Amino acid sequence: MTSLLEAREVSKIYEMGSTKVFALNGVSLDVRKGEFVGIQGTSGSGKSTLLNMLGGLDRPTDGEVLFENNSLAPFTKKQMARYRRHSVGMIFQNFNLISTMSAAENINLALAFGGINLSERNKRAEELLGRVGLSDRATHRPSELSGGEQQRVAIARALANRPRVLLADEPTGNLDSTRSAELLTLLREMVESDHLTILMVTHDGELAARFADRIIFMKDGKVIEQGGLQRDEG
């Protein structure tokens, strides 16, 4: 099976005065369609930087990122924006919902950026909220939702324009263990039913082992270990 998303010898270097700091140092990995991949490592290991490269939020200093065997390197700003809008969805630890908008309106906005007409946006938002178990929370604003509910809205918004890949940066970082397990159960179901591909940065090795197909370990901007694992379904 060919790779859906791939990093080839990707480095990200920051200049700190006369010193070069490697946030990423020659990272290579490939992710196939329908995989749930966990990325682990200590703070400063390069996990979030890697996710930003794969999501088109930043460009590598060296190396390249490929989506469906096409390099992102020659993409214009407009092409990169389209890639971020339609090919990859991203969720973060802090949810990043717009506080003045309801759950449905947050999703609707993402669909508007995707060029969907109003009636279709409303229908799709309703469908997505149902998918994440929040049909009865459509008119609630983030302040009226629990942390777990806010993250579910964020997932629905990230999936609004039907991306092939979901990039999740510490999605359970602000949730307790019960809500974390519920959230990852939902993501796992989407992998199984929709063949969604997920890359998830997490500090929680137990959750990663339970839900991911394989785990990539990073340290000092490098991949130090990657491989498959036998998921614990319990």
C-alpha atoms as a PDB file:
ATOM      1  CA  MET A   1       0.000   0.000   0.000  1.00  0.00           C
ATOM      2  CA  THR A   2       1.344   3.426  -0.925  1.00  0.00           C
ATOM      3  CA  SER A   3       1.832   6.237   1.548  1.00  0.00           C
ATOM      4  CA  LEU A   4      -0.898   8.817   2.010  1.00  0.00           C
ATOM      5  CA  LEU A   5       1.303  11.266   3.925  1.00  0.00           C
ATOM      6  CA  GLU A   6       5.085  11.181   4.035  1.00  0.00           C
ATOM      7  CA  ALA A   7       7.999  13.130   5.451  1.00  0.00           C
ATOM      8  CA  ARG A   8      11.369  12.706   3.745  1.00  0.00           C
ATOM      9  CA  GLU A   9      14.443  13.840   5.666  1.00  0.00           C
ATOM     10  CA  VAL A  10      12.562  16.833   7.066  1.00  0.00           C
ATOM     11  CA  SER A  11      14.531  19.356   9.132  1.00  0.00           C
ATOM     12  CA  LYS A  12      13.426  22.614  10.702  1.00  0.00           C
ATOM     13  CA  ILE A  13      16.212  24.918  11.816  1.00  0.00           C
ATOM     14  CA  TYR A  14      15.814  28.116  13.825  1.00  0.00           C
ATOM     15  CA  GLU A  15      18.573  30.724  14.031  1.00  0.00           C
ATOM     16  CA  MET A  16      19.171  31.865  17.609  1.00  0.00           C
ATOM     17  CA  GLY A  17      21.831  34.521  17.134  1.00  0.00           C
ATOM     18  CA  SER A  18      24.804  32.633  15.744  1.00  0.00           C
ATOM     19  CA  THR A  19      23.434  29.306  16.962  1.00  0.00           C
ATOM     20  CA  LYS A  20      21.362  26.907  14.868  1.00  0.00           C
ATOM     21  CA  VAL A  21      18.650  25.035  16.747  1.00  0.00           C
ATOM     22  CA  PHE A  22      17.217  21.905  15.142  1.00  0.00           C
ATOM     23  CA  ALA A  23      13.519  21.588  15.994  1.00  0.00           C
ATOM     24  CA  LEU A  24      13.497  18.677  13.521  1.00  0.00           C
ATOM     25  CA  ASN A  25      16.603  16.897  12.307  1.00  0.00           C
ATOM     26  CA  GLY A  26      16.205  14.623   9.284  1.00  0.00           C
ATOM     27  CA  VAL A  27      12.836  13.094  10.162  1.00  0.00           C
ATOM     28  CA  SER A  28      11.389  10.499   7.795  1.00  0.00           C
ATOM     29  CA  LEU A  29       8.096   8.684   8.204  1.00  0.00           C
ATOM     30  CA  ASP A  30       5.216   7.480   6.094  1.00  0.00           C
ATOM     31  CA  VAL A  31       1.582   7.067   7.014  1.00  0.00           C
ATOM     32  CA  ARG A  32      -0.826   4.898   5.071  1.00  0.00           C
ATOM     33  CA  LYS A  33      -4.524   5.325   4.488  1.00  0.00           C
ATOM     34  CA  GLY A  34      -6.626   4.242   7.473  1.00  0.00           C
ATOM     35  CA  GLU A  35      -3.740   4.173   9.968  1.00  0.00           C
ATOM     36  CA  PHE A  36      -3.965   5.574  13.485  1.00  0.00           C
ATOM     37  CA  VAL A  37      -0.429   6.622  14.378  1.00  0.00           C
ATOM     38  CA  GLY A  38       0.642   7.900  17.788  1.00  0.00           C
ATOM     39  CA  ILE A  39       3.646  10.236  18.170  1.00  0.00           C
ATOM     40  CA  GLN A  40       5.305  10.332  21.572  1.00  0.00           C
ATOM     41  CA  GLY A  41       8.265  12.138  23.091  1.00  0.00           C
ATOM     42  CA  THR A  42       9.206  14.609  25.784  1.00  0.00           C
ATOM     43  CA  SER A  43       8.574  18.353  25.475  1.00  0.00           C
ATOM     44  CA  GLY A  44      10.907  19.832  22.872  1.00  0.00           C
ATOM     45  CA  SER A  45      11.318  16.551  20.995  1.00  0.00           C
ATOM     46  CA  GLY A  46       9.797  18.017  17.827  1.00  0.00           C
ATOM     47  CA  LYS A  47       6.362  16.360  17.890  1.00  0.00           C
ATOM     48  CA  SER A  48       4.254  19.463  17.368  1.00  0.00           C
ATOM     49  CA  THR A  49       6.720  20.920  14.873  1.00  0.00           C
ATOM     50  CA  LEU A  50       6.418  17.740  12.816  1.00  0.00           C
ATOM     51  CA  LEU A  51       2.623  17.931  12.920  1.00  0.00           C
ATOM     52  CA  ASN A  52       2.770  21.549  11.743  1.00  0.00           C
ATOM     53  CA  MET A  53       4.944  20.510   8.780  1.00  0.00           C
ATOM     54  CA  LEU A  54       2.604  17.683   7.834  1.00  0.00           C
ATOM     55  CA  GLY A  55      -0.389  19.996   8.172  1.00  0.00           C
ATOM     56  CA  GLY A  56       1.094  22.707   5.970  1.00  0.00           C
ATOM     57  CA  LEU A  57       1.189  25.264   8.791  1.00  0.00           C
ATOM     58  CA  ASP A  58       4.950  25.629   8.372  1.00  0.00           C
ATOM     59  CA  ARG A  59       7.538  24.701   5.767  1.00  0.00           C
ATOM     60  CA  PRO A  60      10.683  22.623   6.352  1.00  0.00           C
ATOM     61  CA  THR A  61      14.156  24.154   6.185  1.00  0.00           C
ATOM     62  CA  ASP A  62      15.286  20.964   4.410  1.00  0.00           C
ATOM     63  CA  GLY A  63      13.535  17.862   3.143  1.00  0.00           C
ATOM     64  CA  GLU A  64       9.974  17.614   1.933  1.00  0.00           C
ATOM     65  CA  VAL A  65       6.454  16.572   2.879  1.00  0.00           C
ATOM     66  CA  LEU A  66       4.378  14.591   0.380  1.00  0.00           C
ATOM     67  CA  PHE A  67       0.628  14.018   0.252  1.00  0.00           C
ATOM     68  CA  GLU A  68      -0.502  11.244  -2.095  1.00  0.00           C
ATOM     69  CA  ASN A  69       3.046  11.247  -3.511  1.00  0.00           C
ATOM     70  CA  ASN A  70       2.867  14.945  -4.393  1.00  0.00           C
ATOM     71  CA  SER A  71       5.405  17.239  -2.728  1.00  0.00           C
ATOM     72  CA  LEU A  72       4.072  20.273  -0.864  1.00  0.00           C
ATOM     73  CA  ALA A  73       7.363  22.114  -1.507  1.00  0.00           C
ATOM     74  CA  PRO A  74       6.299  23.920  -4.715  1.00  0.00           C
ATOM     75  CA  PHE A  75       2.846  24.858  -3.367  1.00  0.00           C
ATOM     76  CA  THR A  76       1.902  28.528  -3.506  1.00  0.00           C
ATOM     77  CA  LYS A  77       0.224  30.123  -0.479  1.00  0.00           C
ATOM     78  CA  LYS A  78      -3.146  29.599  -2.177  1.00  0.00           C
ATOM     79  CA  GLN A  79      -2.426  25.924  -2.889  1.00  0.00           C
ATOM     80  CA  MET A  80      -1.219  25.397   0.682  1.00  0.00           C
ATOM     81  CA  ALA A  81      -4.387  27.008   2.055  1.00  0.00           C
ATOM     82  CA  ARG A  82      -6.443  24.661  -0.097  1.00  0.00           C
ATOM     83  CA  TYR A  83      -4.417  21.695   1.196  1.00  0.00           C
ATOM     84  CA  ARG A  84      -5.069  22.737   4.803  1.00  0.00           C
ATOM     85  CA  ARG A  85      -8.758  23.281   4.090  1.00  0.00           C
ATOM     86  CA  HIS A  86      -9.549  20.090   2.200  1.00  0.00           C
ATOM     87  CA  SER A  87      -6.837  17.446   2.679  1.00  0.00           C
ATOM     88  CA  VAL A  88      -5.963  17.685   6.372  1.00  0.00           C
ATOM     89  CA  GLY A  89      -7.940  18.597   9.484  1.00  0.00           C
ATOM     90  CA  MET A  90      -6.305  19.633  12.746  1.00  0.00           C
ATOM     91  CA  ILE A  91      -7.385  19.582  16.384  1.00  0.00           C
ATOM     92  CA  PHE A  92      -5.459  20.971  19.340  1.00  0.00           C
ATOM     93  CA  GLN A  93      -5.260  20.662  23.109  1.00  0.00           C
ATOM     94  CA  ASN A  94      -7.019  24.009  23.629  1.00  0.00           C
ATOM     95  CA  PHE A  95      -9.948  23.296  21.266  1.00  0.00           C
ATOM     96  CA  ASN A  96      -9.594  26.717  19.531  1.00  0.00           C
ATOM     97  CA  LEU A  97     -13.334  27.214  19.133  1.00  0.00           C
ATOM     98  CA  ILE A  98     -14.725  30.713  18.548  1.00  0.00           C
ATOM     99  CA  SER A  99     -16.273  31.656  21.889  1.00  0.00           C
ATOM    100  CA  THR A 100     -19.052  33.866  20.487  1.00  0.00           C
ATOM    101  CA  MET A 101     -20.344  31.141  18.140  1.00  0.00           C
ATOM    102  CA  SER A 102     -22.485  28.112  18.894  1.00  0.00           C
ATOM    103  CA  ALA A 103     -21.262  24.580  18.217  1.00  0.00           C
ATOM    104  CA  ALA A 104     -23.149  24.511  14.894  1.00  0.00           C
ATOM    105  CA  GLU A 105     -21.850  27.958  13.913  1.00  0.00           C
ATOM    106  CA  ASN A 106     -18.234  26.925  14.574  1.00  0.00           C
ATOM    107  CA  ILE A 107     -18.658  24.030  12.153  1.00  0.00           C
ATOM    108  CA  ASN A 108     -20.629  26.167   9.719  1.00  0.00           C
ATOM    109  CA  LEU A 109     -17.760  28.646   9.518  1.00  0.00           C
ATOM    110  CA  ALA A 110     -15.291  25.941   8.469  1.00  0.00           C
ATOM    111  CA  LEU A 111     -17.747  24.850   5.775  1.00  0.00           C
ATOM    112  CA  ALA A 112     -18.139  28.443   4.576  1.00  0.00           C
ATOM    113  CA  PHE A 113     -14.366  28.652   4.084  1.00  0.00           C
ATOM    114  CA  GLY A 114     -14.701  25.430   2.094  1.00  0.00           C
ATOM    115  CA  GLY A 115     -17.120  27.122  -0.299  1.00  0.00           C
ATOM    116  CA  ILE A 116     -20.255  25.189   0.716  1.00  0.00           C
ATOM    117  CA  ASN A 117     -23.655  26.884   0.314  1.00  0.00           C
ATOM    118  CA  LEU A 118     -25.738  27.745   3.390  1.00  0.00           C
ATOM    119  CA  SER A 119     -28.368  24.998   3.232  1.00  0.00           C
ATOM    120  CA  GLU A 120     -25.698  22.365   2.669  1.00  0.00           C
ATOM    121  CA  ARG A 121     -23.613  23.827   5.509  1.00  0.00           C
ATOM    122  CA  ASN A 122     -26.516  23.583   7.936  1.00  0.00           C
ATOM    123  CA  LYS A 123     -27.216  20.007   6.910  1.00  0.00           C
ATOM    124  CA  ARG A 124     -23.562  18.994   7.174  1.00  0.00           C
ATOM    125  CA  ALA A 125     -23.127  20.688  10.582  1.00  0.00           C
ATOM    126  CA  GLU A 126     -26.175  18.864  11.917  1.00  0.00           C
ATOM    127  CA  GLU A 127     -24.865  15.570  10.546  1.00  0.00           C
ATOM    128  CA  LEU A 128     -21.409  16.089  12.087  1.00  0.00           C
ATOM    129  CA  LEU A 129     -22.773  17.041  15.502  1.00  0.00           C
ATOM    130  CA  GLY A 130     -24.848  13.869  15.415  1.00  0.00           C
ATOM    131  CA  ARG A 131     -21.752  11.902  14.489  1.00  0.00           C
ATOM    132  CA  VAL A 132     -19.885  13.112  17.570  1.00  0.00           C
ATOM    133  CA  GLY A 133     -22.913  12.668  19.844  1.00  0.00           C
ATOM    134  CA  LEU A 134     -23.778  16.343  20.284  1.00  0.00           C
ATOM    135  CA  SER A 135     -27.039  16.806  18.378  1.00  0.00           C
ATOM    136  CA  ASP A 136     -28.612  18.334  21.492  1.00  0.00           C
ATOM    137  CA  ARG A 137     -25.767  20.849  21.906  1.00  0.00           C
ATOM    138  CA  ALA A 138     -25.958  22.554  18.494  1.00  0.00           C
ATOM    139  CA  THR A 139     -26.979  25.956  19.867  1.00  0.00           C
ATOM    140  CA  HIS A 140     -24.606  25.904  22.868  1.00  0.00           C
ATOM    141  CA  ARG A 141     -21.549  28.130  22.933  1.00  0.00           C
ATOM    142  CA  PRO A 142     -18.150  26.752  24.076  1.00  0.00           C
ATOM    143  CA  SER A 143     -18.585  28.239  27.580  1.00  0.00           C
ATOM    144  CA  GLU A 144     -21.742  26.143  27.952  1.00  0.00           C
ATOM    145  CA  LEU A 145     -19.971  22.912  26.998  1.00  0.00           C
ATOM    146  CA  SER A 146     -17.675  20.617  28.978  1.00  0.00           C
ATOM    147  CA  GLY A 147     -14.072  20.122  27.866  1.00  0.00           C
ATOM    148  CA  GLY A 148     -14.927  16.783  26.290  1.00  0.00           C
ATOM    149  CA  GLU A 149     -17.865  18.305  24.424  1.00  0.00           C
ATOM    150  CA  GLN A 150     -15.730  21.199  23.171  1.00  0.00           C
ATOM    151  CA  GLN A 151     -13.153  18.771  21.806  1.00  0.00           C
ATOM    152  CA  ARG A 152     -15.914  16.817  20.049  1.00  0.00           C
ATOM    153  CA  VAL A 153     -17.079  20.039  18.398  1.00  0.00           C
ATOM    154  CA  ALA A 154     -13.460  20.687  17.379  1.00  0.00           C
ATOM    155  CA  ILE A 155     -13.308  17.218  15.808  1.00  0.00           C
ATOM    156  CA  ALA A 156     -16.568  17.813  13.947  1.00  0.00           C
ATOM    157  CA  ARG A 157     -15.210  21.151  12.681  1.00  0.00           C
ATOM    158  CA  ALA A 158     -11.913  19.557  11.600  1.00  0.00           C
ATOM    159  CA  LEU A 159     -13.837  16.929   9.612  1.00  0.00           C
ATOM    160  CA  ALA A 160     -16.249  19.455   8.068  1.00  0.00           C
ATOM    161  CA  ASN A 161     -14.648  19.506   4.614  1.00  0.00           C
ATOM    162  CA  ARG A 162     -14.015  15.741   4.566  1.00  0.00           C
ATOM    163  CA  PRO A 163     -10.210  15.707   4.933  1.00  0.00           C
ATOM    164  CA  ARG A 164      -8.291  12.497   4.345  1.00  0.00           C
ATOM    165  CA  VAL A 165      -6.065  13.006   7.402  1.00  0.00           C
ATOM    166  CA  LEU A 166      -6.764  14.250  10.922  1.00  0.00           C
ATOM    167  CA  LEU A 167      -3.763  15.680  12.797  1.00  0.00           C
ATOM    168  CA  ALA A 168      -4.347  15.802  16.548  1.00  0.00           C
ATOM    169  CA  ASP A 169      -1.923  17.699  18.808  1.00  0.00           C
ATOM    170  CA  GLU A 170      -2.417  16.542  22.414  1.00  0.00           C
ATOM    171  CA  PRO A 171      -6.211  16.295  21.900  1.00  0.00           C
ATOM    172  CA  THR A 172      -6.757  14.835  25.373  1.00  0.00           C
ATOM    173  CA  GLY A 173      -4.339  17.172  27.196  1.00  0.00           C
ATOM    174  CA  ASN A 174      -7.147  19.111  28.911  1.00  0.00           C
ATOM    175  CA  LEU A 175      -9.437  16.132  29.541  1.00  0.00           C
ATOM    176  CA  ASP A 176      -9.704  13.662  32.412  1.00  0.00           C
ATOM    177  CA  SER A 177      -9.038   9.972  31.829  1.00  0.00           C
ATOM    178  CA  THR A 178     -12.697   9.042  31.239  1.00  0.00           C
ATOM    179  CA  ARG A 179     -13.273  11.824  28.670  1.00  0.00           C
ATOM    180  CA  SER A 180      -9.926  11.031  27.051  1.00  0.00           C
ATOM    181  CA  ALA A 181     -10.890   7.394  26.522  1.00  0.00           C
ATOM    182  CA  GLU A 182     -14.302   8.437  25.154  1.00  0.00           C
ATOM    183  CA  LEU A 183     -12.695  10.830  22.697  1.00  0.00           C
ATOM    184  CA  LEU A 184     -10.177   8.317  21.408  1.00  0.00           C
ATOM    185  CA  THR A 185     -12.879   5.656  21.142  1.00  0.00           C
ATOM    186  CA  LEU A 186     -14.712   8.068  18.835  1.00  0.00           C
ATOM    187  CA  LEU A 187     -11.577   8.667  16.751  1.00  0.00           C
ATOM    188  CA  ARG A 188     -10.889   4.943  16.551  1.00  0.00           C
ATOM    189  CA  GLU A 189     -14.440   4.351  15.282  1.00  0.00           C
ATOM    190  CA  MET A 190     -13.835   6.928  12.543  1.00  0.00           C
ATOM    191  CA  VAL A 191     -10.661   5.117  11.494  1.00  0.00           C
ATOM    192  CA  GLU A 192     -12.576   1.843  11.271  1.00  0.00           C
ATOM    193  CA  SER A 193     -15.766   3.118   9.597  1.00  0.00           C
ATOM    194  CA  ASP A 194     -14.498   5.947   7.369  1.00  0.00           C
ATOM    195  CA  HIS A 195     -10.887   4.844   6.753  1.00  0.00           C
ATOM    196  CA  LEU A 196      -9.852   8.175   8.262  1.00  0.00           C
ATOM    197  CA  THR A 197      -6.105   8.479   8.780  1.00  0.00           C
ATOM    198  CA  ILE A 198      -5.026   9.948  12.123  1.00  0.00           C
ATOM    199  CA  LEU A 199      -1.703  11.180  13.493  1.00  0.00           C
ATOM    200  CA  MET A 200      -1.917  11.989  17.177  1.00  0.00           C
ATOM    201  CA  VAL A 201       0.738  13.637  19.319  1.00  0.00           C
ATOM    202  CA  THR A 202       0.302  12.558  22.928  1.00  0.00           C
ATOM    203  CA  HIS A 203       2.155  12.302  26.243  1.00  0.00           C
ATOM    204  CA  ASP A 204      -0.148   9.464  27.301  1.00  0.00           C
ATOM    205  CA  GLY A 205       1.573   6.206  26.406  1.00  0.00           C
ATOM    206  CA  GLU A 206      -1.227   4.089  27.821  1.00  0.00           C
ATOM    207  CA  LEU A 207      -3.864   5.724  25.608  1.00  0.00           C
ATOM    208  CA  ALA A 208      -1.600   5.554  22.562  1.00  0.00           C
ATOM    209  CA  ALA A 209      -0.982   1.844  23.111  1.00  0.00           C
ATOM    210  CA  ARG A 210      -4.693   1.230  23.498  1.00  0.00           C
ATOM    211  CA  PHE A 211      -5.932   3.065  20.402  1.00  0.00           C
ATOM    212  CA  ALA A 212      -3.080   3.542  17.900  1.00  0.00           C
ATOM    213  CA  ASP A 213      -1.929   1.006  15.311  1.00  0.00           C
ATOM    214  CA  ARG A 214       1.677   2.014  15.872  1.00  0.00           C
ATOM    215  CA  ILE A 215       3.680   4.562  17.825  1.00  0.00           C
ATOM    216  CA  ILE A 216       6.539   6.762  16.667  1.00  0.00           C
ATOM    217  CA  PHE A 217       8.936   7.915  19.390  1.00  0.00           C
ATOM    218  CA  MET A 218      10.826  11.189  19.015  1.00  0.00           C
ATOM    219  CA  LYS A 219      13.747  12.733  20.873  1.00  0.00           C
ATOM    220  CA  ASP A 220      15.797  15.874  20.156  1.00  0.00           C
ATOM    221  CA  GLY A 221      14.105  16.442  16.803  1.00  0.00           C
ATOM    222  CA  LYS A 222      14.661  12.910  15.560  1.00  0.00           C
ATOM    223  CA  VAL A 223      12.605   9.742  15.218  1.00  0.00           C
ATOM    224  CA  ILE A 224      14.321   7.241  17.498  1.00  0.00           C
ATOM    225  CA  GLU A 225      11.901   4.355  17.130  1.00  0.00           C
ATOM    226  CA  GLN A 226       8.831   3.451  15.103  1.00  0.00           C
ATOM    227  CA  GLY A 227       6.945   0.272  14.576  1.00  0.00           C
ATOM    228  CA  GLY A 228       3.672  -1.580  14.934  1.00  0.00           C
ATOM    229  CA  LEU A 229       2.068  -2.717  18.142  1.00  0.00           C
ATOM    230  CA  GLN A 230      -0.696  -5.055  19.245  1.00  0.00           C
ATOM    231  CA  ARG A 231      -3.501  -2.826  20.424  1.00  0.00           C
ATOM    232  CA  ASP A 232      -5.081  -3.531  23.777  1.00  0.00           C
ATOM    233  CA  GLU A 233      -8.832  -3.548  23.133  1.00  0.00           C
ATOM    234  CA  GLY A 234      -9.631  -3.550  26.830  1.00  0.00           C
END
